[in-house]
């Protein structure tokens, strides 16, 4: 099953990080689940790698959980 929508349509991506566990869903389909190595330094930034002609974002929301 292909998670990405055809060119010209907007995809919906959801990335959840809880502690060392990372989950990425694309259009409601889980495409990545991983656990960061123990002792990995915490990151306080969000980075995007764009291939091809570029990328556009709309409705971008960053939510943080309070400790």
Protein backbone atom coordinates (compact mmCIF):
# COMPACT_ATOMS: atom_id res chain seq x y z
CA UNK A 1 0.00 0.00 0.00
CA UNK A 2 1.37 3.39 -1.00
CA UNK A 3 1.03 6.07 1.68
CA UNK A 4 1.86 9.16 -0.42
CA UNK A 5 -0.83 10.88 -2.46
CA UNK A 6 -0.37 11.66 -6.18
CA UNK A 7 1.63 14.74 -7.24
CA UNK A 8 -0.35 17.91 -6.73
CA UNK A 9 -2.32 16.64 -3.72
CA UNK A 10 -1.52 17.50 -0.11
CA UNK A 11 -0.20 14.73 2.13
CA UNK A 12 -0.90 14.69 5.87
CA UNK A 13 2.10 13.80 8.02
CA UNK A 14 2.17 13.17 11.76
CA UNK A 15 5.39 12.69 13.73
CA UNK A 16 5.18 11.76 17.40
CA UNK A 17 8.23 11.60 19.67
CA UNK A 18 7.76 10.28 23.19
CA UNK A 19 11.01 9.86 25.03
CA UNK A 20 13.14 7.67 22.75
CA UNK A 21 10.19 6.34 20.69
CA UNK A 22 9.49 7.94 17.30
CA UNK A 23 6.41 7.31 15.14
CA UNK A 24 5.78 8.77 11.66
CA UNK A 25 2.41 8.43 9.93
CA UNK A 26 1.70 9.57 6.37
CA UNK A 27 -1.96 9.93 5.46
CA UNK A 28 -2.88 7.70 8.40
CA UNK A 29 -0.43 4.93 7.39
CA UNK A 30 2.44 4.14 9.76
CA UNK A 31 5.61 4.49 7.67
CA UNK A 32 8.28 4.56 10.39
CA UNK A 33 8.59 3.45 13.97
CA UNK A 34 11.91 3.45 15.79
CA UNK A 35 13.56 3.79 19.17
CA UNK A 36 16.46 6.21 19.51
CA UNK A 37 19.62 4.77 21.05
CA UNK A 38 19.99 5.08 24.80
CA UNK A 39 22.09 8.10 25.65
CA UNK A 40 21.24 9.89 22.38
CA UNK A 41 21.43 13.62 23.00
CA UNK A 42 18.04 15.37 23.09
CA UNK A 43 17.22 17.51 20.05
CA UNK A 44 15.32 20.74 20.26
CA UNK A 45 15.03 21.34 16.54
CA UNK A 46 13.02 20.00 13.63
CA UNK A 47 14.79 19.42 10.32
CA UNK A 48 13.39 18.56 6.90
CA UNK A 49 15.30 16.91 4.06
CA UNK A 50 13.76 17.89 0.73
CA UNK A 51 14.51 16.00 -2.48
CA UNK A 52 13.56 17.02 -5.99
CA UNK A 53 11.82 20.29 -6.74
CA UNK A 54 11.24 21.42 -3.18
CA UNK A 55 8.44 21.23 -0.67
CA UNK A 56 5.55 23.33 0.60
CA UNK A 57 4.02 23.19 4.04
CA UNK A 58 0.64 24.35 5.29
CA UNK A 59 -1.00 24.03 8.67
CA UNK A 60 2.30 23.16 10.34
CA UNK A 61 1.81 22.71 14.10
CA UNK A 62 4.46 21.84 16.66
CA UNK A 63 3.15 20.62 19.99
CA UNK A 64 5.30 19.93 23.01
CA UNK A 65 4.35 17.94 26.05
CA UNK A 66 5.04 19.43 29.42
CA UNK A 67 7.25 17.30 31.67
